[in-house]
Amino acid sequence: MKPHLPLITAMALMLAACAPPTATVADFNGDSVKIQTNQMASNAEEAKANAQTEADRVCQKGHRKRAEYASTRALPNYINEHLFLCLS
């Protein structure tokens, strides 16, 4: 059974790479929001667009109307953290 373990692991990694890039809210304080995306996403532009969409949604729940991109920083474990400012 152990000889199949590398094959199963490789298949799981390939399936994970096919998954759509998700955006996760890491922090929100009313004036800014931090959105995390996976650096290993197959389409970096789609991941950034998903982050923008999520930031707009979160900012609109607060007292602001839109999210403006400010910066991106790389975190450990292949995570990008995008900072958006919530503006009127």
N, C-alpha and C. Protein backbone atom coordinates (compact mmCIF):
# COMPACT_ATOMS: atom_id res chain seq x y z
N MET A 1 0.81 -1.20 0.00
CA MET A 1 0.00 0.00 0.00
C MET A 1 0.86 1.26 0.00
N LYS A 2 2.00 1.24 0.61
CA LYS A 2 2.85 2.42 0.68
C LYS A 2 3.40 2.87 -0.67
N PRO A 3 3.63 1.98 -1.65
CA PRO A 3 4.13 2.45 -2.94
C PRO A 3 3.17 3.41 -3.64
N HIS A 4 1.92 3.40 -3.28
CA HIS A 4 0.93 4.27 -3.92
C HIS A 4 0.86 5.66 -3.29
N LEU A 5 1.49 5.82 -2.15
CA LEU A 5 1.42 7.10 -1.43
C LEU A 5 1.94 8.27 -2.27
N PRO A 6 3.09 8.18 -2.94
CA PRO A 6 3.55 9.32 -3.77
C PRO A 6 2.56 9.64 -4.90
N LEU A 7 1.96 8.63 -5.47
CA LEU A 7 0.99 8.86 -6.54
C LEU A 7 -0.24 9.57 -6.01
N ILE A 8 -0.73 9.15 -4.87
CA ILE A 8 -1.90 9.79 -4.26
C ILE A 8 -1.59 11.23 -3.89
N THR A 9 -0.40 11.48 -3.35
CA THR A 9 0.01 12.83 -2.99
C THR A 9 0.10 13.72 -4.23
N ALA A 10 0.68 13.20 -5.30
CA ALA A 10 0.79 13.97 -6.53
C ALA A 10 -0.58 14.31 -7.10
N MET A 11 -1.49 13.36 -7.06
CA MET A 11 -2.84 13.60 -7.56
C MET A 11 -3.56 14.65 -6.73
N ALA A 12 -3.39 14.61 -5.41
CA ALA A 12 -4.01 15.61 -4.54
C ALA A 12 -3.47 17.01 -4.82
N LEU A 13 -2.17 17.12 -5.06
CA LEU A 13 -1.58 18.42 -5.39
C LEU A 13 -2.08 18.95 -6.72
N MET A 14 -2.25 18.08 -7.70
CA MET A 14 -2.77 18.51 -9.00
C MET A 14 -4.20 19.00 -8.88
N LEU A 15 -5.01 18.32 -8.07
CA LEU A 15 -6.39 18.77 -7.87
C LEU A 15 -6.44 20.10 -7.14
N ALA A 16 -5.55 20.29 -6.19
CA ALA A 16 -5.52 21.56 -5.46
C ALA A 16 -5.13 22.70 -6.38
N ALA A 17 -4.25 22.45 -7.33
CA ALA A 17 -3.83 23.49 -8.27
C ALA A 17 -4.96 23.88 -9.21
N CYS A 18 -5.92 23.00 -9.43
CA CYS A 18 -7.04 23.28 -10.31
C CYS A 18 -8.15 24.05 -9.61
N ALA A 19 -8.09 24.13 -8.32
CA ALA A 19 -9.14 24.81 -7.56
C ALA A 19 -9.12 26.30 -7.87
N PRO A 20 -10.28 26.94 -7.90
CA PRO A 20 -10.31 28.38 -8.16
C PRO A 20 -9.65 29.14 -7.01
N PRO A 21 -8.97 30.23 -7.32
CA PRO A 21 -8.31 30.99 -6.27
C PRO A 21 -9.35 31.64 -5.35
N THR A 22 -9.19 31.42 -4.07
CA THR A 22 -10.12 31.99 -3.11
C THR A 22 -9.48 33.17 -2.40
N ALA A 23 -10.30 34.03 -1.90
CA ALA A 23 -9.84 35.20 -1.16
C ALA A 23 -10.43 35.13 0.24
N THR A 24 -9.57 35.28 1.25
CA THR A 24 -9.99 35.16 2.63
C THR A 24 -9.71 36.46 3.36
N VAL A 25 -10.68 36.94 4.11
CA VAL A 25 -10.51 38.16 4.90
C VAL A 25 -9.64 37.83 6.11
N ALA A 26 -8.51 38.52 6.23
CA ALA A 26 -7.59 38.29 7.35
C ALA A 26 -7.79 39.34 8.45
N ASP A 27 -8.16 40.56 8.06
CA ASP A 27 -8.29 41.64 9.05
C ASP A 27 -9.17 42.73 8.46
N PHE A 28 -10.00 43.33 9.30
CA PHE A 28 -10.85 44.46 8.88
C PHE A 28 -11.01 45.36 10.08
N ASN A 29 -10.72 46.66 9.91
CA ASN A 29 -10.85 47.59 11.02
C ASN A 29 -11.79 48.76 10.71
N GLY A 30 -12.52 48.68 9.61
CA GLY A 30 -13.42 49.76 9.23
C GLY A 30 -12.82 50.70 8.20
N ASP A 31 -11.51 50.93 8.28
CA ASP A 31 -10.83 51.82 7.34
C ASP A 31 -9.97 51.06 6.34
N SER A 32 -9.63 49.82 6.66
CA SER A 32 -8.85 49.00 5.74
C SER A 32 -9.21 47.53 5.93
N VAL A 33 -8.90 46.75 4.92
CA VAL A 33 -9.15 45.31 4.97
C VAL A 33 -7.96 44.60 4.36
N LYS A 34 -7.56 43.48 4.98
CA LYS A 34 -6.48 42.65 4.46
C LYS A 34 -7.09 41.35 3.94
N ILE A 35 -6.79 41.03 2.69
CA ILE A 35 -7.31 39.84 2.04
C ILE A 35 -6.13 38.94 1.71
N GLN A 36 -6.26 37.66 2.05
CA GLN A 36 -5.20 36.69 1.76
C GLN A 36 -5.59 35.80 0.58
N THR A 37 -4.61 35.57 -0.31
CA THR A 37 -4.79 34.65 -1.43
C THR A 37 -3.59 33.71 -1.47
N ASN A 38 -3.75 32.62 -2.18
CA ASN A 38 -2.70 31.61 -2.29
C ASN A 38 -1.76 31.98 -3.44
N GLN A 39 -0.45 31.98 -3.18
CA GLN A 39 0.54 32.27 -4.22
C GLN A 39 0.60 31.17 -5.27
N MET A 40 0.13 29.99 -4.92
CA MET A 40 0.21 28.84 -5.82
C MET A 40 -1.00 28.77 -6.77
N ALA A 41 -1.86 29.75 -6.74
CA ALA A 41 -3.03 29.76 -7.62
C ALA A 41 -2.57 29.74 -9.07
N SER A 42 -3.30 29.02 -9.90
CA SER A 42 -2.90 28.88 -11.30
C SER A 42 -3.02 30.20 -12.06
N ASN A 43 -3.90 31.09 -11.63
CA ASN A 43 -4.11 32.35 -12.33
C ASN A 43 -4.00 33.50 -11.33
N ALA A 44 -2.86 34.17 -11.32
CA ALA A 44 -2.63 35.24 -10.35
C ALA A 44 -3.57 36.42 -10.55
N GLU A 45 -3.91 36.73 -11.80
CA GLU A 45 -4.82 37.85 -12.06
C GLU A 45 -6.23 37.55 -11.53
N GLU A 46 -6.66 36.32 -11.67
CA GLU A 46 -7.98 35.94 -11.14
C GLU A 46 -7.98 36.00 -9.62
N ALA A 47 -6.88 35.58 -9.00
CA ALA A 47 -6.77 35.64 -7.54
C ALA A 47 -6.85 37.09 -7.06
N LYS A 48 -6.15 38.00 -7.76
CA LYS A 48 -6.18 39.41 -7.37
C LYS A 48 -7.57 40.01 -7.59
N ALA A 49 -8.24 39.60 -8.67
CA ALA A 49 -9.61 40.08 -8.93
C ALA A 49 -10.56 39.59 -7.85
N ASN A 50 -10.40 38.34 -7.41
CA ASN A 50 -11.22 37.81 -6.32
C ASN A 50 -10.96 38.57 -5.03
N ALA A 51 -9.71 38.94 -4.79
CA ALA A 51 -9.37 39.72 -3.60
C ALA A 51 -10.04 41.09 -3.65
N GLN A 52 -10.03 41.72 -4.82
CA GLN A 52 -10.69 43.03 -4.99
C GLN A 52 -12.18 42.93 -4.74
N THR A 53 -12.80 41.90 -5.28
CA THR A 53 -14.24 41.69 -5.10
C THR A 53 -14.59 41.49 -3.62
N GLU A 54 -13.79 40.68 -2.94
CA GLU A 54 -14.03 40.44 -1.52
C GLU A 54 -13.80 41.70 -0.70
N ALA A 55 -12.77 42.47 -1.03
CA ALA A 55 -12.51 43.72 -0.32
C ALA A 55 -13.65 44.72 -0.52
N ASP A 56 -14.16 44.82 -1.75
CA ASP A 56 -15.31 45.70 -2.01
C ASP A 56 -16.51 45.28 -1.17
N ARG A 57 -16.76 43.98 -1.10
CA ARG A 57 -17.90 43.47 -0.33
C ARG A 57 -17.76 43.82 1.15
N VAL A 58 -16.57 43.61 1.71
CA VAL A 58 -16.34 43.88 3.13
C VAL A 58 -16.44 45.37 3.43
N CYS A 59 -15.84 46.21 2.59
CA CYS A 59 -15.89 47.66 2.82
C CYS A 59 -17.32 48.19 2.74
N GLN A 60 -18.13 47.64 1.85
CA GLN A 60 -19.52 48.08 1.72
C GLN A 60 -20.36 47.67 2.93
N LYS A 61 -19.96 46.61 3.62
CA LYS A 61 -20.66 46.21 4.85
C LYS A 61 -20.41 47.21 5.97
N GLY A 62 -19.26 47.87 5.91
CA GLY A 62 -18.92 48.89 6.89
C GLY A 62 -19.53 50.22 6.49
N HIS A 63 -18.87 51.30 6.83
CA HIS A 63 -19.40 52.63 6.55
C HIS A 63 -18.81 53.25 5.29
N ARG A 64 -18.05 52.49 4.52
CA ARG A 64 -17.42 53.01 3.30
C ARG A 64 -18.07 52.39 2.07
N LYS A 65 -17.75 52.92 0.89
CA LYS A 65 -18.42 52.47 -0.33
C LYS A 65 -17.56 51.59 -1.24
N ARG A 66 -16.23 51.76 -1.19
CA ARG A 66 -15.40 50.99 -2.12
C ARG A 66 -14.04 50.70 -1.49
N ALA A 67 -13.36 49.73 -2.08
CA ALA A 67 -12.02 49.36 -1.62
C ALA A 67 -11.00 49.74 -2.68
N GLU A 68 -9.94 50.39 -2.25
CA GLU A 68 -8.86 50.75 -3.17
C GLU A 68 -7.60 49.98 -2.78
N TYR A 69 -7.01 49.31 -3.78
CA TYR A 69 -5.81 48.51 -3.55
C TYR A 69 -4.67 49.40 -3.08
N ALA A 70 -3.93 48.94 -2.06
CA ALA A 70 -2.80 49.69 -1.54
C ALA A 70 -1.47 48.95 -1.70
N SER A 71 -1.43 47.68 -1.32
CA SER A 71 -0.16 46.95 -1.40
C SER A 71 -0.39 45.44 -1.25
N THR A 72 0.69 44.70 -1.54
CA THR A 72 0.70 43.25 -1.35
C THR A 72 2.01 42.87 -0.68
N ARG A 73 1.93 41.93 0.25
CA ARG A 73 3.14 41.41 0.86
C ARG A 73 3.05 39.88 0.90
N ALA A 74 4.19 39.25 0.77
CA ALA A 74 4.26 37.79 0.78
C ALA A 74 4.42 37.31 2.22
N LEU A 75 3.59 36.36 2.60
CA LEU A 75 3.65 35.74 3.92
C LEU A 75 4.21 34.33 3.78
N PRO A 76 4.59 33.70 4.88
CA PRO A 76 5.04 32.31 4.81
C PRO A 76 3.91 31.39 4.30
N ASN A 77 4.27 30.21 3.90
CA ASN A 77 3.33 29.19 3.43
C ASN A 77 2.61 29.59 2.15
N TYR A 78 3.29 30.35 1.28
CA TYR A 78 2.77 30.69 -0.04
C TYR A 78 1.46 31.47 0.01
N ILE A 79 1.40 32.44 0.89
CA ILE A 79 0.22 33.29 1.03
C ILE A 79 0.60 34.73 0.67
N ASN A 80 -0.24 35.37 -0.13
CA ASN A 80 -0.13 36.80 -0.40
C ASN A 80 -1.17 37.52 0.43
N GLU A 81 -0.79 38.62 1.05
CA GLU A 81 -1.74 39.43 1.80
C GLU A 81 -1.87 40.78 1.11
N HIS A 82 -3.07 41.08 0.64
CA HIS A 82 -3.35 42.33 -0.08
C HIS A 82 -4.04 43.30 0.87
N LEU A 83 -3.53 44.52 0.92
CA LEU A 83 -4.12 45.57 1.75
C LEU A 83 -4.96 46.47 0.87
N PHE A 84 -6.19 46.69 1.28
CA PHE A 84 -7.11 47.59 0.58
C PHE A 84 -7.58 48.65 1.58
N LEU A 85 -7.66 49.89 1.13
CA LEU A 85 -8.21 50.97 1.93
C LEU A 85 -9.68 51.13 1.61
N CYS A 86 -10.50 51.26 2.63
CA CYS A 86 -11.94 51.46 2.44
C CYS A 86 -12.21 52.96 2.33
N LEU A 87 -12.70 53.40 1.17
CA LEU A 87 -12.90 54.82 0.91
C LEU A 87 -14.36 55.11 0.61
N SER A 88 -14.74 56.36 0.78
CA SER A 88 -16.12 56.78 0.49
C SER A 88 -16.31 57.01 -0.98
